[in-house]
């Protein structure tokens, strides 16, 4: 960040206001850039840490949930078939 440049000569109030306005604009734009960099670095750090936790995406979770539901339904069907077969074998 640049240090403000003040001259020793007396300035008119309009010039002083213009200079303050320019410096404030520069500081604000630098603040926006720094905020953007911090946000990007934080996002990268979070992604890195989440990848170490072995988490899955919402889409993958929902897909696995659907597979599990189908498997449970198939298991229930097989259990019913087995019960039917066992009842036929018993006198």
PDB file of N, CA and C in Angstrom:
ATOM      1  N   UNK A   1       0.833  -1.152   0.000  1.00  0.00           N
ATOM      2  CA  UNK A   1       0.000   0.000   0.000  1.00  0.00           C
ATOM      3  C   UNK A   1       0.891   1.232   0.000  1.00  0.00           C
ATOM      4  N   UNK A   2       0.567   2.188  -0.861  1.00  0.00           N
ATOM      5  CA  UNK A   2       1.365   3.405  -0.938  1.00  0.00           C
ATOM      6  C   UNK A   2       1.051   4.331   0.216  1.00  0.00           C
ATOM      7  N   UNK A   3       2.080   4.973   0.730  1.00  0.00           N
ATOM      8  CA  UNK A   3       1.875   5.984   1.759  1.00  0.00           C
ATOM      9  C   UNK A   3       1.354   7.245   1.079  1.00  0.00           C
ATOM     10  N   UNK A   4       0.483   8.013   1.726  1.00  0.00           N
ATOM     11  CA  UNK A   4      -0.033   9.234   1.113  1.00  0.00           C
ATOM     12  C   UNK A   4       1.099  10.212   0.825  1.00  0.00           C
ATOM     13  N   UNK A   5       1.000  10.871  -0.262  1.00  0.00           N
ATOM     14  CA  UNK A   5       1.992  11.869  -0.667  1.00  0.00           C
ATOM     15  C   UNK A   5       1.439  13.259  -0.343  1.00  0.00           C
ATOM     16  N   UNK A   6       2.003  13.911   0.644  1.00  0.00           N
ATOM     17  CA  UNK A   6       1.566  15.244   1.022  1.00  0.00           C
ATOM     18  C   UNK A   6       2.665  16.235   0.666  1.00  0.00           C
ATOM     19  N   UNK A   7       2.281  17.272   0.020  1.00  0.00           N
ATOM     20  CA  UNK A   7       3.282  18.297  -0.281  1.00  0.00           C
ATOM     21  C   UNK A   7       3.219  19.356   0.813  1.00  0.00           C
ATOM     22  N   UNK A   8       4.272  20.148   0.910  1.00  0.00           N
ATOM     23  CA  UNK A   8       4.319  21.173   1.949  1.00  0.00           C
ATOM     24  C   UNK A   8       3.564  22.425   1.534  1.00  0.00           C
ATOM     25  N   UNK A   9       3.231  22.518   0.236  1.00  0.00           N
ATOM     26  CA  UNK A   9       2.509  23.695  -0.244  1.00  0.00           C
ATOM     27  C   UNK A   9       1.052  23.622   0.194  1.00  0.00           C
ATOM     28  N   UNK A  10       0.448  24.806   0.437  1.00  0.00           N
ATOM     29  CA  UNK A  10      -0.941  24.865   0.834  1.00  0.00           C
ATOM     30  C   UNK A  10      -1.803  24.516  -0.382  1.00  0.00           C
ATOM     31  N   UNK A  11      -2.811  23.673  -0.182  1.00  0.00           N
ATOM     32  CA  UNK A  11      -3.688  23.271  -1.273  1.00  0.00           C
ATOM     33  C   UNK A  11      -5.065  23.854  -1.043  1.00  0.00           C
ATOM     34  N   UNK A  12      -5.761  24.009  -2.133  1.00  0.00           N
ATOM     35  CA  UNK A  12      -7.148  24.437  -2.034  1.00  0.00           C
ATOM     36  C   UNK A  12      -7.982  23.289  -1.504  1.00  0.00           C
ATOM     37  N   UNK A  13      -9.081  23.585  -0.809  1.00  0.00           N
ATOM     38  CA  UNK A  13      -9.918  22.513  -0.278  1.00  0.00           C
ATOM     39  C   UNK A  13     -10.394  21.532  -1.354  1.00  0.00           C
ATOM     40  N   UNK A  14     -10.710  21.993  -2.569  1.00  0.00           N
ATOM     41  CA  UNK A  14     -11.156  21.082  -3.626  1.00  0.00           C
ATOM     42  C   UNK A  14     -10.049  20.090  -3.978  1.00  0.00           C
ATOM     43  N   UNK A  15      -8.825  20.568  -4.066  1.00  0.00           N
ATOM     44  CA  UNK A  15      -7.698  19.690  -4.362  1.00  0.00           C
ATOM     45  C   UNK A  15      -7.510  18.665  -3.251  1.00  0.00           C
ATOM     46  N   UNK A  16      -7.633  19.122  -2.018  1.00  0.00           N
ATOM     47  CA  UNK A  16      -7.478  18.233  -0.880  1.00  0.00           C
ATOM     48  C   UNK A  16      -8.585  17.178  -0.888  1.00  0.00           C
ATOM     49  N   UNK A  17      -9.801  17.598  -1.142  1.00  0.00           N
ATOM     50  CA  UNK A  17     -10.913  16.652  -1.205  1.00  0.00           C
ATOM     51  C   UNK A  17     -10.723  15.664  -2.346  1.00  0.00           C
ATOM     52  N   UNK A  18     -10.241  16.142  -3.492  1.00  0.00           N
ATOM     53  CA  UNK A  18      -9.985  15.239  -4.618  1.00  0.00           C
ATOM     54  C   UNK A  18      -8.920  14.208  -4.258  1.00  0.00           C
ATOM     55  N   UNK A  19      -7.859  14.665  -3.609  1.00  0.00           N
ATOM     56  CA  UNK A  19      -6.783  13.753  -3.225  1.00  0.00           C
ATOM     57  C   UNK A  19      -7.284  12.718  -2.219  1.00  0.00           C
ATOM     58  N   UNK A  20      -8.042  13.152  -1.237  1.00  0.00           N
ATOM     59  CA  UNK A  20      -8.594  12.219  -0.244  1.00  0.00           C
ATOM     60  C   UNK A  20      -9.513  11.221  -0.932  1.00  0.00           C
ATOM     61  N   UNK A  21     -10.317  11.714  -1.848  1.00  0.00           N
ATOM     62  CA  UNK A  21     -11.239  10.838  -2.576  1.00  0.00           C
ATOM     63  C   UNK A  21     -10.480   9.801  -3.390  1.00  0.00           C
ATOM     64  N   UNK A  22      -9.421  10.220  -4.073  1.00  0.00           N
ATOM     65  CA  UNK A  22      -8.605   9.282  -4.856  1.00  0.00           C
ATOM     66  C   UNK A  22      -7.958   8.232  -3.950  1.00  0.00           C
ATOM     67  N   UNK A  23      -7.401   8.680  -2.831  1.00  0.00           N
ATOM     68  CA  UNK A  23      -6.759   7.741  -1.916  1.00  0.00           C
ATOM     69  C   UNK A  23      -7.771   6.765  -1.310  1.00  0.00           C
ATOM     70  N   UNK A  24      -8.942   7.254  -0.970  1.00  0.00           N
ATOM     71  CA  UNK A  24      -9.977   6.371  -0.426  1.00  0.00           C
ATOM     72  C   UNK A  24     -10.387   5.349  -1.480  1.00  0.00           C
ATOM     73  N   UNK A  25     -10.502   5.787  -2.727  1.00  0.00           N
ATOM     74  CA  UNK A  25     -10.857   4.855  -3.806  1.00  0.00           C
ATOM     75  C   UNK A  25      -9.779   3.797  -3.982  1.00  0.00           C
ATOM     76  N   UNK A  26      -8.516   4.215  -3.920  1.00  0.00           N
ATOM     77  CA  UNK A  26      -7.417   3.257  -4.038  1.00  0.00           C
ATOM     78  C   UNK A  26      -7.449   2.254  -2.894  1.00  0.00           C
ATOM     79  N   UNK A  27      -7.650   2.745  -1.678  1.00  0.00           N
ATOM     80  CA  UNK A  27      -7.714   1.844  -0.523  1.00  0.00           C
ATOM     81  C   UNK A  27      -8.884   0.881  -0.645  1.00  0.00           C
ATOM     82  N   UNK A  28     -10.021   1.373  -1.099  1.00  0.00           N
ATOM     83  CA  UNK A  28     -11.190   0.519  -1.236  1.00  0.00           C
ATOM     84  C   UNK A  28     -10.941  -0.565  -2.283  1.00  0.00           C
ATOM     85  N   UNK A  29     -10.336  -0.202  -3.409  1.00  0.00           N
ATOM     86  CA  UNK A  29     -10.073  -1.208  -4.436  1.00  0.00           C
ATOM     87  C   UNK A  29      -9.038  -2.216  -3.953  1.00  0.00           C
ATOM     88  N   UNK A  30      -8.050  -1.765  -3.193  1.00  0.00           N
ATOM     89  CA  UNK A  30      -7.068  -2.693  -2.633  1.00  0.00           C
ATOM     90  C   UNK A  30      -7.730  -3.601  -1.610  1.00  0.00           C
ATOM     91  N   UNK A  31      -8.660  -3.070  -0.852  1.00  0.00           N
ATOM     92  CA  UNK A  31      -9.396  -3.866   0.118  1.00  0.00           C
ATOM     93  C   UNK A  31     -10.239  -4.929  -0.564  1.00  0.00           C
ATOM     94  N   UNK A  32     -10.869  -4.588  -1.674  1.00  0.00           N
ATOM     95  CA  UNK A  32     -11.664  -5.553  -2.436  1.00  0.00           C
ATOM     96  C   UNK A  32     -10.774  -6.668  -2.951  1.00  0.00           C
ATOM     97  N   UNK A  33      -9.609  -6.303  -3.470  1.00  0.00           N
ATOM     98  CA  UNK A  33      -8.688  -7.312  -3.994  1.00  0.00           C
ATOM     99  C   UNK A  33      -8.201  -8.224  -2.864  1.00  0.00           C
ATOM    100  N   UNK A  34      -7.858  -7.647  -1.733  1.00  0.00           N
ATOM    101  CA  UNK A  34      -7.388  -8.447  -0.594  1.00  0.00           C
ATOM    102  C   UNK A  34      -8.508  -9.358  -0.113  1.00  0.00           C
ATOM    103  N   UNK A  35      -9.720  -8.850  -0.041  1.00  0.00           N
ATOM    104  CA  UNK A  35     -10.856  -9.656   0.397  1.00  0.00           C
ATOM    105  C   UNK A  35     -11.079 -10.819  -0.566  1.00  0.00           C
ATOM    106  N   UNK A  36     -10.937 -10.548  -1.860  1.00  0.00           N
ATOM    107  CA  UNK A  36     -11.095 -11.595  -2.870  1.00  0.00           C
ATOM    108  C   UNK A  36     -10.009 -12.659  -2.723  1.00  0.00           C
ATOM    109  N   UNK A  37      -8.783 -12.224  -2.470  1.00  0.00           N
ATOM    110  CA  UNK A  37      -7.678 -13.172  -2.290  1.00  0.00           C
ATOM    111  C   UNK A  37      -7.884 -14.017  -1.040  1.00  0.00           C
ATOM    112  N   UNK A  38      -8.323 -13.393   0.039  1.00  0.00           N
ATOM    113  CA  UNK A  38      -8.571 -14.132   1.284  1.00  0.00           C
ATOM    114  C   UNK A  38      -9.681 -15.154   1.054  1.00  0.00           C
ATOM    115  N   UNK A  39     -10.739 -14.732   0.379  1.00  0.00           N
ATOM    116  CA  UNK A  39     -11.854 -15.645   0.105  1.00  0.00           C
ATOM    117  C   UNK A  39     -11.376 -16.842  -0.721  1.00  0.00           C
ATOM    118  N   UNK A  40     -10.569 -16.603  -1.750  1.00  0.00           N
ATOM    119  CA  UNK A  40     -10.066 -17.680  -2.600  1.00  0.00           C
ATOM    120  C   UNK A  40      -9.143 -18.618  -1.814  1.00  0.00           C
ATOM    121  N   UNK A  41      -8.270 -18.042  -1.001  1.00  0.00           N
ATOM    122  CA  UNK A  41      -7.367 -18.871  -0.195  1.00  0.00           C
ATOM    123  C   UNK A  41      -8.136 -19.699   0.825  1.00  0.00           C
ATOM    124  N   UNK A  42      -9.142 -19.108   1.436  1.00  0.00           N
ATOM    125  CA  UNK A  42      -9.959 -19.837   2.405  1.00  0.00           C
ATOM    126  C   UNK A  42     -10.706 -20.974   1.719  1.00  0.00           C
ATOM    127  N   UNK A  43     -11.237 -20.712   0.537  1.00  0.00           N
ATOM    128  CA  UNK A  43     -11.947 -21.747  -0.221  1.00  0.00           C
ATOM    129  C   UNK A  43     -10.999 -22.900  -0.566  1.00  0.00           C
ATOM    130  N   UNK A  44      -9.800 -22.589  -0.999  1.00  0.00           N
ATOM    131  CA  UNK A  44      -8.820 -23.626  -1.328  1.00  0.00           C
ATOM    132  C   UNK A  44      -8.455 -24.444  -0.092  1.00  0.00           C
ATOM    133  N   UNK A  45      -8.266 -23.765   1.023  1.00  0.00           N
ATOM    134  CA  UNK A  45      -7.938 -24.450   2.269  1.00  0.00           C
ATOM    135  C   UNK A  45      -9.073 -25.376   2.691  1.00  0.00           C
ATOM    136  N   UNK A  46     -10.305 -24.910   2.596  1.00  0.00           N
ATOM    137  CA  UNK A  46     -11.453 -25.733   2.974  1.00  0.00           C
ATOM    138  C   UNK A  46     -11.581 -26.945   2.058  1.00  0.00           C
ATOM    139  N   UNK A  47     -11.389 -26.754   0.748  1.00  0.00           N
ATOM    140  CA  UNK A  47     -11.450 -27.881  -0.179  1.00  0.00           C
ATOM    141  C   UNK A  47     -10.369 -28.899   0.136  1.00  0.00           C
ATOM    142  N   UNK A  48      -9.191 -28.423   0.467  1.00  0.00           N
ATOM    143  CA  UNK A  48      -8.096 -29.319   0.807  1.00  0.00           C
ATOM    144  C   UNK A  48      -8.420 -30.127   2.060  1.00  0.00           C
ATOM    145  N   UNK A  49      -8.938 -29.468   3.072  1.00  0.00           N
ATOM    146  CA  UNK A  49      -9.262 -30.162   4.317  1.00  0.00           C
ATOM    147  C   UNK A  49     -10.429 -31.126   4.129  1.00  0.00           C
ATOM    148  N   UNK A  50     -11.423 -30.744   3.341  1.00  0.00           N
ATOM    149  CA  UNK A  50     -12.559 -31.637   3.096  1.00  0.00           C
ATOM    150  C   UNK A  50     -12.134 -32.874   2.311  1.00  0.00           C
ATOM    151  N   UNK A  51     -11.180 -32.715   1.414  1.00  0.00           N
ATOM    152  CA  UNK A  51     -10.721 -33.881   0.651  1.00  0.00           C
ATOM    153  C   UNK A  51     -10.019 -34.883   1.562  1.00  0.00           C
ATOM    154  N   UNK A  52      -9.425 -34.413   2.639  1.00  0.00           N
ATOM    155  CA  UNK A  52      -8.768 -35.308   3.597  1.00  0.00           C
ATOM    156  C   UNK A  52      -9.790 -36.048   4.466  1.00  0.00           C
ATOM    157  N   UNK A  53     -11.010 -35.508   4.570  1.00  0.00           N
ATOM    158  CA  UNK A  53     -12.041 -36.118   5.403  1.00  0.00           C
ATOM    159  C   UNK A  53     -12.785 -37.241   4.699  1.00  0.00           C
ATOM    160  N   UNK A  54     -12.518 -37.454   3.446  1.00  0.00           N
ATOM    161  CA  UNK A  54     -13.149 -38.519   2.685  1.00  0.00           C
ATOM    162  C   UNK A  54     -14.667 -38.352   2.653  1.00  0.00           C
ATOM    163  N   UNK A  55     -15.116 -37.156   2.304  1.00  0.00           N
ATOM    164  CA  UNK A  55     -16.541 -36.885   2.170  1.00  0.00           C
ATOM    165  C   UNK A  55     -16.950 -37.041   0.713  1.00  0.00           C
ATOM    166  N   UNK A  56     -18.245 -37.240   0.485  1.00  0.00           N
ATOM    167  CA  UNK A  56     -18.744 -37.402  -0.879  1.00  0.00           C
ATOM    168  C   UNK A  56     -19.653 -36.233  -1.229  1.00  0.00           C
ATOM    169  N   UNK A  57     -19.865 -36.061  -2.506  1.00  0.00           N
ATOM    170  CA  UNK A  57     -20.743 -34.989  -2.954  1.00  0.00           C
ATOM    171  C   UNK A  57     -22.197 -35.382  -2.704  1.00  0.00           C
ATOM    172  N   UNK A  58     -23.068 -34.414  -2.728  1.00  0.00           N
ATOM    173  CA  UNK A  58     -24.494 -34.657  -2.536  1.00  0.00           C
ATOM    174  C   UNK A  58     -25.019 -35.604  -3.613  1.00  0.00           C
ATOM    175  N   UNK A  59     -24.571 -35.414  -4.866  1.00  0.00           N
ATOM    176  CA  UNK A  59     -25.026 -36.260  -5.961  1.00  0.00           C
ATOM    177  C   UNK A  59     -24.619 -37.716  -5.743  1.00  0.00           C
ATOM    178  N   UNK A  60     -23.377 -37.918  -5.324  1.00  0.00           N
ATOM    179  CA  UNK A  60     -22.900 -39.277  -5.079  1.00  0.00           C
ATOM    180  C   UNK A  60     -23.646 -39.911  -3.905  1.00  0.00           C
ATOM    181  N   UNK A  61     -23.916 -39.122  -2.878  1.00  0.00           N
ATOM    182  CA  UNK A  61     -24.655 -39.621  -1.727  1.00  0.00           C
ATOM    183  C   UNK A  61     -26.058 -40.060  -2.141  1.00  0.00           C
ATOM    184  N   UNK A  62     -26.740 -39.232  -2.926  1.00  0.00           N
ATOM    185  CA  UNK A  62     -28.093 -39.570  -3.364  1.00  0.00           C
ATOM    186  C   UNK A  62     -28.101 -40.791  -4.273  1.00  0.00           C
ATOM    187  N   UNK A  63     -27.086 -40.926  -5.121  1.00  0.00           N
ATOM    188  CA  UNK A  63     -26.996 -42.100  -5.987  1.00  0.00           C
ATOM    189  C   UNK A  63     -26.813 -43.367  -5.146  1.00  0.00           C
ATOM    190  N   UNK A  64     -25.955 -43.305  -4.151  1.00  0.00           N
ATOM    191  CA  UNK A  64     -25.734 -44.465  -3.285  1.00  0.00           C
ATOM    192  C   UNK A  64     -26.972 -44.773  -2.445  1.00  0.00           C
ATOM    193  N   UNK A  65     -27.683 -43.748  -2.065  1.00  0.00           N
ATOM    194  CA  UNK A  65     -28.916 -43.941  -1.315  1.00  0.00           C
ATOM    195  C   UNK A  65     -29.954 -44.674  -2.167  1.00  0.00           C
ATOM    196  N   UNK A  66     -30.045 -44.330  -3.451  1.00  0.00           N
ATOM    197  CA  UNK A  66     -30.972 -45.007  -4.364  1.00  0.00           C
ATOM    198  C   UNK A  66     -30.563 -46.471  -4.551  1.00  0.00           C
ATOM    199  N   UNK A  67     -29.264 -46.732  -4.689  1.00  0.00           N
ATOM    200  CA  UNK A  67     -28.774 -48.108  -4.824  1.00  0.00           C
ATOM    201  C   UNK A  67     -29.130 -48.910  -3.576  1.00  0.00           C
ATOM    202  N   UNK A  68     -28.936 -48.307  -2.419  1.00  0.00           N
ATOM    203  CA  UNK A  68     -29.254 -48.983  -1.163  1.00  0.00           C
ATOM    204  C   UNK A  68     -30.751 -49.296  -1.078  1.00  0.00           C
ATOM    205  N   UNK A  69     -31.579 -48.378  -1.497  1.00  0.00           N
ATOM    206  CA  UNK A  69     -33.024 -48.602  -1.464  1.00  0.00           C
ATOM    207  C   UNK A  69     -33.406 -49.773  -2.375  1.00  0.00           C
ATOM    208  N   UNK A  70     -32.855 -49.822  -3.588  1.00  0.00           N
ATOM    209  CA  UNK A  70     -33.133 -50.937  -4.508  1.00  0.00           C
ATOM    210  C   UNK A  70     -32.649 -52.258  -3.916  1.00  0.00           C
ATOM    211  N   UNK A  71     -31.492 -52.234  -3.282  1.00  0.00           N
ATOM    212  CA  UNK A  71     -30.946 -53.446  -2.665  1.00  0.00           C
ATOM    213  C   UNK A  71     -31.855 -53.938  -1.537  1.00  0.00           C
ATOM    214  N   UNK A  72     -32.344 -53.015  -0.732  1.00  0.00           N
ATOM    215  CA  UNK A  72     -33.265 -53.397   0.346  1.00  0.00           C
ATOM    216  C   UNK A  72     -34.545 -54.020  -0.224  1.00  0.00           C
ATOM    217  N   UNK A  73     -35.048 -53.437  -1.300  1.00  0.00           N
ATOM    218  CA  UNK A  73     -36.256 -53.986  -1.928  1.00  0.00           C
ATOM    219  C   UNK A  73     -35.996 -55.395  -2.472  1.00  0.00           C
ATOM    220  N   UNK A  74     -34.850 -55.580  -3.106  1.00  0.00           N
ATOM    221  CA  UNK A  74     -34.504 -56.907  -3.624  1.00  0.00           C
ATOM    222  C   UNK A  74     -34.350 -57.907  -2.482  1.00  0.00           C
ATOM    223  N   UNK A  75     -33.734 -57.491  -1.396  1.00  0.00           N
ATOM    224  CA  UNK A  75     -33.569 -58.360  -0.235  1.00  0.00           C
ATOM    225  C   UNK A  75     -34.934 -58.763   0.330  1.00  0.00           C
ATOM    226  N   UNK A  76     -35.837 -57.828   0.433  1.00  0.00           N
ATOM    227  CA  UNK A  76     -37.182 -58.135   0.928  1.00  0.00           C
ATOM    228  C   UNK A  76     -37.870 -59.139   0.007  1.00  0.00           C
ATOM    229  N   UNK A  77     -37.717 -58.951  -1.310  1.00  0.00           N
ATOM    230  CA  UNK A  77     -38.301 -59.901  -2.267  1.00  0.00           C
ATOM    231  C   UNK A  77     -37.695 -61.293  -2.099  1.00  0.00           C
ATOM    232  N   UNK A  78     -36.383 -61.360  -1.960  1.00  0.00           N
ATOM    233  CA  UNK A  78     -35.714 -62.656  -1.792  1.00  0.00           C
ATOM    234  C   UNK A  78     -36.124 -63.327  -0.478  1.00  0.00           C
ATOM    235  N   UNK A  79     -36.248 -62.539   0.585  1.00  0.00           N
ATOM    236  CA  UNK A  79     -36.695 -63.102   1.859  1.00  0.00           C
ATOM    237  C   UNK A  79     -38.105 -63.681   1.737  1.00  0.00           C
ATOM    238  N   UNK A  80     -38.945 -62.974   0.995  1.00  0.00           N
ATOM    239  CA  UNK A  80     -40.306 -63.475   0.794  1.00  0.00           C
ATOM    240  C   UNK A  80     -40.290 -64.766  -0.022  1.00  0.00           C
ATOM    241  N   UNK A  81     -39.470 -64.813  -1.083  1.00  0.00           N
ATOM    242  CA  UNK A  81     -39.361 -66.030  -1.899  1.00  0.00           C
ATOM    243  C   UNK A  81     -38.855 -67.192  -1.055  1.00  0.00           C
ATOM    244  N   UNK A  82     -37.869 -66.936  -0.219  1.00  0.00           N
ATOM    245  CA  UNK A  82     -37.326 -67.982   0.653  1.00  0.00           C
ATOM    246  C   UNK A  82     -38.397 -68.490   1.624  1.00  0.00           C
ATOM    247  N   UNK A  83     -39.144 -67.585   2.200  1.00  0.00           N
ATOM    248  CA  UNK A  83     -40.212 -67.982   3.120  1.00  0.00           C
ATOM    249  C   UNK A  83     -41.251 -68.830   2.392  1.00  0.00           C
ATOM    250  N   UNK A  84     -41.595 -68.466   1.155  1.00  0.00           N
ATOM    251  CA  UNK A  84     -42.553 -69.252   0.363  1.00  0.00           C
ATOM    252  C   UNK A  84     -42.010 -70.653   0.091  1.00  0.00           C
ATOM    253  N   UNK A  85     -40.736 -70.733  -0.284  1.00  0.00           N
ATOM    254  CA  UNK A  85     -40.123 -72.044  -0.560  1.00  0.00           C
ATOM    255  C   UNK A  85     -40.077 -72.901   0.701  1.00  0.00           C
ATOM    256  N   UNK A  86     -39.723 -72.295   1.818  1.00  0.00           N
ATOM    257  CA  UNK A  86     -39.655 -73.051   3.083  1.00  0.00           C
ATOM    258  C   UNK A  86     -41.046 -73.553   3.485  1.00  0.00           C
ATOM    259  N   UNK A  87     -42.062 -72.769   3.250  1.00  0.00           N
ATOM    260  CA  UNK A  87     -43.416 -73.197   3.619  1.00  0.00           C
ATOM    261  C   UNK A  87     -43.896 -74.348   2.733  1.00  0.00           C
ATOM    262  N   UNK A  88     -43.408 -74.426   1.499  1.00  0.00           N
ATOM    263  CA  UNK A  88     -43.771 -75.536   0.609  1.00  0.00           C
ATOM    264  C   UNK A  88     -43.083 -76.828   1.039  1.00  0.00           C
ATOM    265  N   UNK A  89     -41.884 -76.705   1.591  1.00  0.00           N
ATOM    266  CA  UNK A  89     -41.125 -77.884   1.987  1.00  0.00           C
ATOM    267  C   UNK A  89     -41.621 -78.472   3.304  1.00  0.00           C
ATOM    268  N   UNK A  90     -42.196 -77.678   4.157  1.00  0.00           N
ATOM    269  CA  UNK A  90     -42.659 -78.179   5.455  1.00  0.00           C
ATOM    270  C   UNK A  90     -44.019 -78.887   5.267  1.00  0.00           C
ATOM    271  N   UNK A  91     -44.171 -80.073   5.904  1.00  0.00           N
ATOM    272  CA  UNK A  91     -45.428 -80.825   5.761  1.00  0.00           C
ATOM    273  C   UNK A  91     -46.574 -80.229   6.517  1.00  0.00           C
TER     274      UNK A  91
END
